C-alpha cells in the first residue's frame, strides 16, 4: 500500500518575521527519572572507529559527528573498546608513545582506547528506577565521564545506552568531579607500572 494513501501532509505557513527561540522552562533536577537523560542507543546512531584508525583521524571523526566519545569495533563488528577525545588529547598518548618509543602519529586507537574488559556498566533494570542524582553520584564515585548501560536480551548482553557527565552537568547545572578517594590500589599500581 503506498505511503500517501495512509497519511496526509500538514499545512505549512510562511514566516514573515524571525521566530524566537524557546526559553528553557526548567533544568533537570536530581530527583527526576534517570531515563530522562539516557542516550538510548536504540534511537541514536553510534559513532564507531576501528582499532587501527589513527588518533587524529578519530578525533576528526568525533568533531564531524559532534561527539566526544566513540565506540571501537573490530573488523567483525564486535565492540572491542571505546575512546574519548580526552583519551586522544590527554596524557595517555604521550605516555604510550614514550613507553613504546614511537611518535604520537604512529599510535592507533587501539593504543589509547579503554578495552571492553575495563568498562564499568550498569544494567538497564537498575536505571529504570534510578534518579538523575543516583546517576551523578555513581559517575562521581567511580570517576566516570560516561556511564554505559547494558541490557540482557536473548541470552546476550546488549549495549543499550549511556549517560554523559557533560550532558548531566548542563541539564542539572552542576559539576561531576571524580572522587579521587575511590581509586583502588590496583588502579594506582597499573598507572605507576606504565
N, C-alpha and C. Protein backbone atom coordinates (compact mmCIF):
# COMPACT_ATOMS: atom_id res chain seq x y z
N UNK A 1 0.86 -1.18 0.00
CA UNK A 1 0.00 0.00 0.00
C UNK A 1 0.90 1.24 0.00
N UNK A 2 0.67 2.18 -0.91
CA UNK A 2 1.51 3.38 -0.96
C UNK A 2 1.38 4.20 0.33
N UNK A 3 2.47 4.82 0.69
CA UNK A 3 2.52 5.64 1.90
C UNK A 3 1.51 6.78 1.84
N UNK A 4 1.32 7.35 0.67
CA UNK A 4 0.44 8.52 0.54
C UNK A 4 -1.02 8.21 0.80
N UNK A 5 -1.43 6.96 0.69
CA UNK A 5 -2.84 6.66 0.91
C UNK A 5 -3.20 6.60 2.40
N UNK A 6 -2.21 6.48 3.28
CA UNK A 6 -2.49 6.37 4.71
C UNK A 6 -2.23 7.67 5.48
N UNK A 7 -1.54 8.59 4.86
CA UNK A 7 -1.17 9.82 5.55
C UNK A 7 -1.52 11.03 4.70
N UNK A 8 -1.58 12.19 5.35
CA UNK A 8 -1.85 13.42 4.61
C UNK A 8 -0.84 14.47 5.05
N UNK A 9 -0.46 15.37 4.17
CA UNK A 9 0.51 16.40 4.52
C UNK A 9 -0.10 17.43 5.47
N UNK A 10 0.73 17.97 6.32
CA UNK A 10 0.30 19.04 7.23
C UNK A 10 0.37 20.38 6.52
N UNK A 11 -0.47 21.33 6.90
CA UNK A 11 -0.40 22.66 6.27
C UNK A 11 0.86 23.40 6.72
N UNK A 12 1.49 24.09 5.79
CA UNK A 12 2.69 24.87 6.08
C UNK A 12 2.35 26.34 6.14
N UNK A 13 3.15 27.10 6.90
CA UNK A 13 2.98 28.55 7.00
C UNK A 13 4.26 29.22 6.54
N UNK A 14 4.14 30.41 5.99
CA UNK A 14 5.31 31.20 5.62
C UNK A 14 5.68 32.09 6.79
N UNK A 15 6.96 32.31 6.97
CA UNK A 15 7.44 33.17 8.06
C UNK A 15 7.56 34.60 7.56
N UNK A 16 6.92 35.53 8.24
CA UNK A 16 7.05 36.94 7.89
C UNK A 16 8.06 37.63 8.79
N UNK A 17 8.25 37.09 9.98
CA UNK A 17 9.28 37.60 10.90
C UNK A 17 10.01 36.40 11.49
N UNK A 18 11.20 36.66 11.99
CA UNK A 18 12.01 35.58 12.58
C UNK A 18 11.37 35.09 13.88
N UNK A 19 11.28 33.80 14.07
CA UNK A 19 10.70 33.27 15.31
C UNK A 19 11.68 33.43 16.47
N UNK A 20 11.16 33.45 17.67
CA UNK A 20 12.00 33.50 18.86
C UNK A 20 12.40 32.09 19.25
N UNK A 21 13.57 31.97 19.84
CA UNK A 21 13.99 30.67 20.37
C UNK A 21 13.27 30.43 21.68
N UNK A 22 12.94 29.19 21.98
CA UNK A 22 12.24 28.91 23.24
C UNK A 22 13.15 29.11 24.44
N UNK A 23 12.58 29.51 25.54
CA UNK A 23 13.32 29.65 26.79
C UNK A 23 13.25 28.31 27.52
N UNK A 24 14.34 27.94 28.15
CA UNK A 24 14.34 26.70 28.93
C UNK A 24 13.40 26.90 30.11
N UNK A 25 12.42 26.01 30.21
CA UNK A 25 11.42 26.14 31.27
C UNK A 25 12.00 25.78 32.63
N UNK A 26 12.77 24.70 32.69
CA UNK A 26 13.40 24.33 33.94
C UNK A 26 14.55 23.40 33.63
N UNK A 27 15.46 23.34 34.55
CA UNK A 27 16.59 22.44 34.43
C UNK A 27 16.17 21.08 34.97
N UNK A 28 16.95 20.06 34.66
CA UNK A 28 16.70 18.74 35.24
C UNK A 28 17.06 18.80 36.71
N UNK A 29 16.32 18.06 37.49
CA UNK A 29 16.54 18.02 38.94
C UNK A 29 17.06 16.65 39.35
N UNK A 30 17.83 16.58 40.43
CA UNK A 30 18.38 15.29 40.88
C UNK A 30 17.32 14.22 41.10
N UNK A 31 16.10 14.61 41.45
CA UNK A 31 15.05 13.62 41.70
C UNK A 31 14.29 13.21 40.43
N UNK A 32 14.63 13.81 39.28
CA UNK A 32 14.00 13.41 38.02
C UNK A 32 14.44 11.99 37.65
N UNK A 33 13.61 11.31 36.89
CA UNK A 33 13.92 9.94 36.46
C UNK A 33 15.20 9.91 35.63
N UNK A 34 16.05 8.95 35.90
CA UNK A 34 17.31 8.82 35.17
C UNK A 34 17.08 8.62 33.68
N UNK A 35 16.03 7.92 33.32
CA UNK A 35 15.76 7.66 31.91
C UNK A 35 15.57 8.94 31.10
N UNK A 36 15.27 10.05 31.77
CA UNK A 36 15.04 11.31 31.06
C UNK A 36 16.29 11.82 30.35
N UNK A 37 17.48 11.44 30.81
CA UNK A 37 18.72 11.89 30.16
C UNK A 37 19.56 10.73 29.62
N UNK A 38 18.98 9.55 29.54
CA UNK A 38 19.68 8.41 28.96
C UNK A 38 19.73 8.58 27.45
N UNK A 39 20.90 8.45 26.86
CA UNK A 39 21.00 8.37 25.41
C UNK A 39 20.72 6.93 25.05
N UNK A 40 19.55 6.69 24.52
CA UNK A 40 19.10 5.33 24.19
C UNK A 40 19.65 4.95 22.83
N UNK A 41 20.53 3.96 22.80
CA UNK A 41 21.18 3.58 21.55
C UNK A 41 20.25 2.85 20.58
N UNK A 42 19.02 2.56 21.02
CA UNK A 42 18.02 2.05 20.08
C UNK A 42 17.51 3.18 19.20
N UNK A 43 17.69 4.42 19.65
CA UNK A 43 17.15 5.58 18.92
C UNK A 43 18.24 6.57 18.49
N UNK A 44 19.48 6.30 18.83
CA UNK A 44 20.59 7.18 18.48
C UNK A 44 21.67 6.38 17.77
N UNK A 45 22.18 6.92 16.71
CA UNK A 45 23.24 6.23 15.97
C UNK A 45 24.54 6.27 16.77
N UNK A 46 25.26 5.17 16.75
CA UNK A 46 26.57 5.11 17.41
C UNK A 46 27.64 5.53 16.41
N UNK A 47 28.60 6.27 16.88
CA UNK A 47 29.76 6.60 16.06
C UNK A 47 30.82 5.57 16.41
N UNK A 48 31.38 4.94 15.38
CA UNK A 48 32.29 3.81 15.60
C UNK A 48 33.60 4.05 14.85
N UNK A 49 34.71 3.79 15.55
CA UNK A 49 36.04 3.84 14.96
C UNK A 49 36.58 2.41 14.91
N UNK A 50 37.66 2.24 14.18
CA UNK A 50 38.34 0.95 14.08
C UNK A 50 39.61 0.99 14.93
N UNK A 51 40.05 -0.14 15.47
CA UNK A 51 41.25 -0.15 16.32
C UNK A 51 42.50 0.38 15.62
N UNK A 52 42.62 0.18 14.31
CA UNK A 52 43.81 0.62 13.58
C UNK A 52 43.73 2.07 13.11
N UNK A 53 42.63 2.76 13.36
CA UNK A 53 42.50 4.17 12.95
C UNK A 53 43.50 5.02 13.71
N UNK A 54 43.99 6.06 13.06
CA UNK A 54 44.91 6.99 13.70
C UNK A 54 44.17 7.89 14.68
N UNK A 55 44.92 8.48 15.61
CA UNK A 55 44.32 9.33 16.63
C UNK A 55 43.71 10.59 16.03
N UNK A 56 44.44 11.25 15.13
CA UNK A 56 43.92 12.48 14.52
C UNK A 56 42.70 12.18 13.65
N UNK A 57 42.73 11.06 12.94
CA UNK A 57 41.59 10.63 12.12
C UNK A 57 40.36 10.42 13.00
N UNK A 58 40.55 9.80 14.15
CA UNK A 58 39.43 9.53 15.06
C UNK A 58 38.92 10.81 15.70
N UNK A 59 39.82 11.70 16.06
CA UNK A 59 39.40 12.99 16.61
C UNK A 59 38.60 13.77 15.57
N UNK A 60 39.02 13.71 14.32
CA UNK A 60 38.29 14.38 13.24
C UNK A 60 36.89 13.76 13.07
N UNK A 61 36.81 12.43 13.19
CA UNK A 61 35.52 11.74 13.13
C UNK A 61 34.60 12.24 14.23
N UNK A 62 35.14 12.40 15.44
CA UNK A 62 34.35 12.90 16.57
C UNK A 62 33.84 14.32 16.30
N UNK A 63 34.72 15.17 15.81
CA UNK A 63 34.34 16.55 15.53
C UNK A 63 33.24 16.62 14.48
N UNK A 64 33.37 15.83 13.41
CA UNK A 64 32.35 15.81 12.36
C UNK A 64 31.01 15.32 12.89
N UNK A 65 31.05 14.34 13.80
CA UNK A 65 29.82 13.77 14.33
C UNK A 65 29.27 14.56 15.51
N UNK A 66 30.06 15.51 16.03
CA UNK A 66 29.61 16.30 17.18
C UNK A 66 29.57 15.51 18.47
N UNK A 67 30.50 14.56 18.62
CA UNK A 67 30.56 13.75 19.84
C UNK A 67 31.96 13.84 20.44
N UNK A 68 32.07 13.42 21.70
CA UNK A 68 33.37 13.42 22.38
C UNK A 68 33.80 12.01 22.77
N UNK A 69 33.05 11.01 22.30
CA UNK A 69 33.39 9.62 22.57
C UNK A 69 32.89 8.77 21.42
N UNK A 70 33.70 7.78 21.03
CA UNK A 70 33.26 6.82 20.02
C UNK A 70 33.53 5.41 20.52
N UNK A 71 32.71 4.50 20.05
CA UNK A 71 32.96 3.09 20.32
C UNK A 71 33.96 2.59 19.31
N UNK A 72 34.67 1.53 19.67
CA UNK A 72 35.67 0.93 18.79
C UNK A 72 35.22 -0.49 18.50
N UNK A 73 35.13 -0.83 17.21
CA UNK A 73 34.69 -2.16 16.80
C UNK A 73 35.74 -2.78 15.89
N UNK A 74 35.93 -4.09 16.04
CA UNK A 74 36.84 -4.83 15.19
C UNK A 74 36.25 -5.02 13.81
N UNK A 75 36.99 -5.69 12.93
CA UNK A 75 36.53 -5.90 11.56
C UNK A 75 35.25 -6.74 11.51
N UNK A 76 35.02 -7.55 12.54
CA UNK A 76 33.80 -8.36 12.59
C UNK A 76 32.61 -7.60 13.15
N UNK A 77 32.83 -6.33 13.52
CA UNK A 77 31.76 -5.50 14.06
C UNK A 77 31.58 -5.63 15.56
N UNK A 78 32.31 -6.53 16.19
CA UNK A 78 32.20 -6.72 17.64
C UNK A 78 32.91 -5.58 18.37
N UNK A 79 32.24 -5.06 19.40
CA UNK A 79 32.85 -3.98 20.19
C UNK A 79 34.10 -4.47 20.89
N UNK A 80 35.16 -3.67 20.80
CA UNK A 80 36.41 -4.01 21.49
C UNK A 80 36.82 -2.93 22.49
N UNK A 81 36.20 -1.75 22.40
CA UNK A 81 36.56 -0.68 23.33
C UNK A 81 35.80 0.60 23.05
N UNK A 82 36.25 1.64 23.73
CA UNK A 82 35.73 2.99 23.49
C UNK A 82 36.88 3.95 23.72
N UNK A 83 36.79 5.11 23.09
CA UNK A 83 37.84 6.12 23.24
C UNK A 83 37.18 7.49 23.26
N UNK A 84 37.68 8.35 24.13
CA UNK A 84 37.15 9.70 24.25
C UNK A 84 38.13 10.71 23.66
N UNK A 85 37.65 11.90 23.42
CA UNK A 85 38.53 12.97 22.95
C UNK A 85 39.62 13.23 23.98
N UNK A 86 39.27 13.12 25.25
CA UNK A 86 40.27 13.31 26.31
C UNK A 86 41.35 12.23 26.24
N UNK A 87 40.95 10.99 25.93
CA UNK A 87 41.93 9.91 25.78
C UNK A 87 42.92 10.24 24.66
N UNK A 88 42.43 10.85 23.61
CA UNK A 88 43.27 11.17 22.45
C UNK A 88 44.11 12.42 22.67
N UNK A 89 43.54 13.42 23.35
CA UNK A 89 44.24 14.70 23.52
C UNK A 89 44.96 14.82 24.85
N UNK A 90 44.75 13.89 25.76
CA UNK A 90 45.33 13.97 27.09
C UNK A 90 46.72 13.37 27.17
N UNK A 91 47.06 12.91 28.36
CA UNK A 91 48.41 12.40 28.59
C UNK A 91 48.60 10.96 28.13
N UNK A 92 47.53 10.23 27.93
CA UNK A 92 47.64 8.81 27.55
C UNK A 92 48.49 8.60 26.28
N UNK A 93 48.27 9.36 25.19
CA UNK A 93 49.11 9.16 24.01
C UNK A 93 50.58 9.51 24.25
N UNK A 94 50.82 10.52 25.06
CA UNK A 94 52.20 10.93 25.36
C UNK A 94 52.91 9.81 26.10
N UNK A 95 52.25 9.26 27.12
CA UNK A 95 52.83 8.18 27.91
C UNK A 95 53.05 6.95 27.04
N UNK A 96 52.05 6.60 26.24
CA UNK A 96 52.13 5.41 25.39
C UNK A 96 53.24 5.57 24.34
N UNK A 97 53.31 6.73 23.69
CA UNK A 97 54.35 6.96 22.68
C UNK A 97 55.73 6.89 23.31
N UNK A 98 55.87 7.47 24.49
CA UNK A 98 57.16 7.46 25.18
C UNK A 98 57.57 6.05 25.58
N UNK A 99 56.63 5.29 26.14
CA UNK A 99 56.97 3.94 26.60
C UNK A 99 57.26 2.98 25.45
N UNK A 100 56.67 3.23 24.27
CA UNK A 100 56.92 2.38 23.11
C UNK A 100 57.95 2.98 22.15
N UNK A 101 58.49 4.14 22.52
CA UNK A 101 59.49 4.85 21.72
C UNK A 101 59.04 5.03 20.26
N UNK A 102 57.82 5.56 20.12
CA UNK A 102 57.28 5.88 18.80
C UNK A 102 56.74 7.30 18.85
N UNK A 103 56.46 7.86 17.69
CA UNK A 103 55.86 9.19 17.67
C UNK A 103 54.36 9.07 17.90
N UNK A 104 53.74 10.16 18.29
CA UNK A 104 52.30 10.17 18.52
C UNK A 104 51.55 9.80 17.24
N UNK A 105 52.08 10.24 16.09
CA UNK A 105 51.42 9.95 14.81
C UNK A 105 51.34 8.46 14.50
N UNK A 106 52.22 7.67 15.11
CA UNK A 106 52.23 6.23 14.87
C UNK A 106 51.22 5.48 15.74
N UNK A 107 50.66 6.15 16.74
CA UNK A 107 49.71 5.50 17.63
C UNK A 107 48.37 5.30 16.94
N UNK A 108 47.67 4.26 17.35
CA UNK A 108 46.34 3.99 16.83
C UNK A 108 45.34 4.05 17.98
N UNK A 109 44.07 3.98 17.63
CA UNK A 109 43.01 3.97 18.63
C UNK A 109 43.22 2.82 19.61
N UNK A 110 43.68 1.67 19.12
CA UNK A 110 43.92 0.51 19.99
C UNK A 110 44.92 0.82 21.09
N UNK A 111 45.83 1.77 20.85
CA UNK A 111 46.85 2.11 21.85
C UNK A 111 46.29 2.92 23.01
N UNK A 112 45.19 3.64 22.81
CA UNK A 112 44.70 4.55 23.86
C UNK A 112 43.27 4.27 24.31
N UNK A 113 42.59 3.36 23.63
CA UNK A 113 41.18 3.08 23.97
C UNK A 113 41.08 2.37 25.32
N UNK A 114 39.87 2.43 25.88
CA UNK A 114 39.54 1.64 27.07
C UNK A 114 38.90 0.36 26.56
N UNK A 115 39.57 -0.79 26.74
CA UNK A 115 39.00 -2.04 26.22
C UNK A 115 37.72 -2.43 26.95
N UNK A 116 36.88 -3.19 26.27
CA UNK A 116 35.60 -3.63 26.82
C UNK A 116 35.79 -4.28 28.20
N UNK A 117 36.87 -5.01 28.37
CA UNK A 117 37.10 -5.70 29.64
C UNK A 117 37.31 -4.76 30.81
N UNK A 118 37.55 -3.47 30.54
CA UNK A 118 37.73 -2.49 31.61
C UNK A 118 36.53 -1.56 31.77
N UNK A 119 35.46 -1.80 31.04
CA UNK A 119 34.27 -0.97 31.15
C UNK A 119 33.55 -1.25 32.45
N UNK A 120 33.05 -0.20 33.06
CA UNK A 120 32.14 -0.31 34.19
C UNK A 120 30.76 0.01 33.64
N UNK A 121 29.81 -0.90 33.81
CA UNK A 121 28.47 -0.70 33.26
C UNK A 121 27.41 -0.87 34.34
N UNK A 122 26.22 -0.41 34.03
CA UNK A 122 25.07 -0.59 34.92
C UNK A 122 23.95 -1.20 34.08
N UNK A 123 23.16 -2.07 34.70
CA UNK A 123 22.08 -2.72 33.99
C UNK A 123 20.88 -1.80 33.85
N UNK A 124 20.20 -1.90 32.73
CA UNK A 124 19.03 -1.06 32.47
C UNK A 124 17.96 -1.22 33.54
N UNK A 125 17.84 -2.40 34.12
CA UNK A 125 16.83 -2.62 35.16
C UNK A 125 17.07 -1.71 36.36
N UNK A 126 18.33 -1.44 36.69
CA UNK A 126 18.64 -0.52 37.80
C UNK A 126 18.36 0.93 37.40
N UNK A 127 18.59 1.25 36.13
CA UNK A 127 18.39 2.61 35.64
C UNK A 127 16.90 2.97 35.61
N UNK A 128 16.05 2.00 35.34
CA UNK A 128 14.61 2.26 35.24
C UNK A 128 14.03 2.88 36.51
N UNK A 129 14.58 2.54 37.67
CA UNK A 129 14.07 3.08 38.94
C UNK A 129 14.98 4.15 39.53
N UNK A 130 16.10 4.42 38.87
CA UNK A 130 17.07 5.39 39.40
C UNK A 130 16.65 6.82 39.08
N UNK A 131 17.23 7.74 39.82
CA UNK A 131 17.04 9.18 39.62
C UNK A 131 18.34 9.76 39.05
N UNK A 132 18.27 10.95 38.49
CA UNK A 132 19.47 11.59 37.94
C UNK A 132 20.54 11.76 39.00
N UNK A 133 20.14 12.04 40.23
CA UNK A 133 21.10 12.17 41.32
C UNK A 133 21.86 10.88 41.57
N UNK A 134 21.18 9.73 41.40
CA UNK A 134 21.85 8.43 41.55
C UNK A 134 22.90 8.24 40.46
N UNK A 135 22.56 8.64 39.25
CA UNK A 135 23.50 8.52 38.13
C UNK A 135 24.70 9.42 38.36
N UNK A 136 24.45 10.67 38.75
CA UNK A 136 25.54 11.62 39.00
C UNK A 136 26.45 11.10 40.12
N UNK A 137 25.87 10.55 41.17
CA UNK A 137 26.67 10.03 42.29
C UNK A 137 27.49 8.82 41.86
N UNK A 138 26.92 7.96 41.03
CA UNK A 138 27.66 6.80 40.52
C UNK A 138 28.85 7.26 39.69
N UNK A 139 28.64 8.24 38.83
CA UNK A 139 29.72 8.75 37.98
C UNK A 139 30.79 9.43 38.83
N UNK A 140 30.36 10.17 39.84
CA UNK A 140 31.29 10.84 40.76
C UNK A 140 32.14 9.81 41.50
N UNK A 141 31.48 8.83 42.10
CA UNK A 141 32.18 7.85 42.93
C UNK A 141 33.18 7.02 42.14
N UNK A 142 32.86 6.75 40.88
CA UNK A 142 33.74 5.89 40.08
C UNK A 142 34.59 6.68 39.08
N UNK A 143 34.51 8.01 39.13
CA UNK A 143 35.34 8.84 38.24
C UNK A 143 35.03 8.66 36.77
N UNK A 144 33.75 8.50 36.44
CA UNK A 144 33.34 8.24 35.06
C UNK A 144 32.85 9.51 34.37
N UNK A 145 33.21 9.66 33.10
CA UNK A 145 32.62 10.71 32.28
C UNK A 145 31.48 10.14 31.44
N UNK A 146 31.49 8.82 31.26
CA UNK A 146 30.42 8.12 30.56
C UNK A 146 30.04 6.90 31.38
N UNK A 147 28.75 6.72 31.58
CA UNK A 147 28.24 5.54 32.26
C UNK A 147 27.46 4.73 31.23
N UNK A 148 27.97 3.55 30.93
CA UNK A 148 27.36 2.70 29.91
C UNK A 148 26.27 1.84 30.53
N UNK A 149 25.18 1.70 29.79
CA UNK A 149 24.02 0.95 30.27
C UNK A 149 23.85 -0.28 29.38
N UNK A 150 23.77 -1.44 30.02
CA UNK A 150 23.59 -2.69 29.29
C UNK A 150 22.24 -3.31 29.61
N UNK A 151 21.87 -4.28 28.79
CA UNK A 151 20.60 -4.98 28.98
C UNK A 151 20.77 -6.42 28.52
N UNK A 152 20.29 -7.35 29.33
CA UNK A 152 20.29 -8.76 28.92
C UNK A 152 19.14 -8.97 27.95
N UNK A 153 19.47 -9.53 26.79
CA UNK A 153 18.44 -9.73 25.76
C UNK A 153 18.76 -11.01 24.99
N UNK A 154 17.85 -11.97 25.05
CA UNK A 154 18.01 -13.24 24.35
C UNK A 154 19.32 -13.94 24.73
N UNK A 155 19.65 -13.89 26.01
CA UNK A 155 20.85 -14.56 26.49
C UNK A 155 22.15 -13.84 26.21
N UNK A 156 22.08 -12.63 25.67
CA UNK A 156 23.29 -11.85 25.37
C UNK A 156 23.21 -10.52 26.10
N UNK A 157 24.37 -9.91 26.30
CA UNK A 157 24.42 -8.57 26.87
C UNK A 157 24.48 -7.57 25.73
N UNK A 158 23.53 -6.64 25.73
CA UNK A 158 23.43 -5.63 24.67
C UNK A 158 23.74 -4.27 25.28
N UNK A 159 24.55 -3.48 24.58
CA UNK A 159 24.79 -2.10 24.99
C UNK A 159 23.55 -1.30 24.65
N UNK A 160 22.84 -0.84 25.66
CA UNK A 160 21.53 -0.22 25.45
C UNK A 160 21.60 1.30 25.40
N UNK A 161 22.51 1.90 26.16
CA UNK A 161 22.57 3.36 26.19
C UNK A 161 23.73 3.86 27.00
N UNK A 162 23.73 5.16 27.22
CA UNK A 162 24.80 5.75 28.02
C UNK A 162 24.35 7.07 28.61
N UNK A 163 25.03 7.43 29.69
CA UNK A 163 24.88 8.75 30.29
C UNK A 163 26.20 9.47 30.10
N UNK A 164 26.14 10.73 29.74
CA UNK A 164 27.32 11.57 29.58
C UNK A 164 27.36 12.56 30.74
N UNK A 165 28.52 12.63 31.40
CA UNK A 165 28.66 13.57 32.51
C UNK A 165 28.43 15.00 32.02
N UNK A 166 28.91 15.32 30.83
CA UNK A 166 28.72 16.68 30.31
C UNK A 166 27.25 17.02 30.15
N UNK A 167 26.48 16.07 29.63
CA UNK A 167 25.04 16.31 29.45
C UNK A 167 24.34 16.46 30.79
N UNK A 168 24.69 15.63 31.76
CA UNK A 168 24.10 15.75 33.10
C UNK A 168 24.47 17.08 33.74
N UNK A 169 25.74 17.48 33.60
CA UNK A 169 26.20 18.74 34.19
C UNK A 169 25.44 19.92 33.61
N UNK A 170 25.24 19.94 32.30
CA UNK A 170 24.49 21.04 31.68
C UNK A 170 23.04 21.04 32.13
N UNK A 171 22.42 19.87 32.12
CA UNK A 171 21.00 19.78 32.45
C UNK A 171 20.72 20.08 33.92
N UNK A 172 21.64 19.66 34.80
CA UNK A 172 21.42 19.82 36.23
C UNK A 172 22.14 21.04 36.80
N UNK A 173 22.89 21.76 35.94
CA UNK A 173 23.64 22.94 36.36
C UNK A 173 24.54 22.62 37.55
N UNK A 174 25.37 21.60 37.37
CA UNK A 174 26.28 21.15 38.42
C UNK A 174 27.55 20.61 37.76
N UNK A 175 28.51 20.21 38.57
CA UNK A 175 29.70 19.54 38.04
C UNK A 175 29.80 18.17 38.68
N UNK A 176 30.31 17.24 37.91
CA UNK A 176 30.52 15.88 38.40
C UNK A 176 32.02 15.64 38.39
N UNK A 177 32.63 15.86 39.52
CA UNK A 177 34.07 15.66 39.66
C UNK A 177 34.32 14.24 40.13
N UNK A 178 35.44 13.63 39.71
CA UNK A 178 35.73 12.28 40.19
C UNK A 178 36.06 12.28 41.68
N UNK A 179 35.65 11.23 42.36
CA UNK A 179 36.00 11.04 43.77
C UNK A 179 37.37 10.38 43.80
N UNK A 180 38.41 11.16 44.00
CA UNK A 180 39.77 10.63 43.95
C UNK A 180 40.04 9.63 45.06
N UNK A 181 39.25 9.65 46.12
CA UNK A 181 39.45 8.71 47.21
C UNK A 181 38.98 7.30 46.86
N UNK A 182 38.15 7.17 45.82
CA UNK A 182 37.60 5.87 45.49
C UNK A 182 38.53 5.06 44.58
N UNK A 183 39.65 5.63 44.20
CA UNK A 183 40.59 4.91 43.36
C UNK A 183 41.20 3.75 44.14
N UNK A 184 41.27 2.61 43.51
CA UNK A 184 41.80 1.43 44.19
C UNK A 184 43.32 1.37 44.06
N UNK A 185 43.92 0.57 44.91
CA UNK A 185 45.35 0.37 44.83
C UNK A 185 45.72 -0.30 43.51
N UNK A 186 44.85 -1.14 43.00
CA UNK A 186 45.11 -1.81 41.71
C UNK A 186 45.20 -0.79 40.59
N UNK A 187 44.30 0.22 40.59
CA UNK A 187 44.36 1.27 39.57
C UNK A 187 45.64 2.07 39.70
N UNK A 188 46.01 2.42 40.93
CA UNK A 188 47.23 3.18 41.17
C UNK A 188 48.44 2.38 40.71
N UNK A 189 48.46 1.11 41.03
CA UNK A 189 49.57 0.25 40.63
C UNK A 189 49.67 0.17 39.11
N UNK A 190 48.52 0.08 38.43
CA UNK A 190 48.51 0.00 36.98
C UNK A 190 49.06 1.28 36.36
N UNK A 191 48.69 2.43 36.91
CA UNK A 191 49.18 3.71 36.41
C UNK A 191 50.69 3.82 36.60
N UNK A 192 51.17 3.43 37.78
CA UNK A 192 52.59 3.52 38.07
C UNK A 192 53.42 2.55 37.22
N UNK A 193 52.82 1.43 36.81
CA UNK A 193 53.52 0.44 36.00
C UNK A 193 53.78 0.94 34.59
N UNK A 194 52.96 1.89 34.13
CA UNK A 194 53.14 2.42 32.77
C UNK A 194 53.94 3.64 32.85
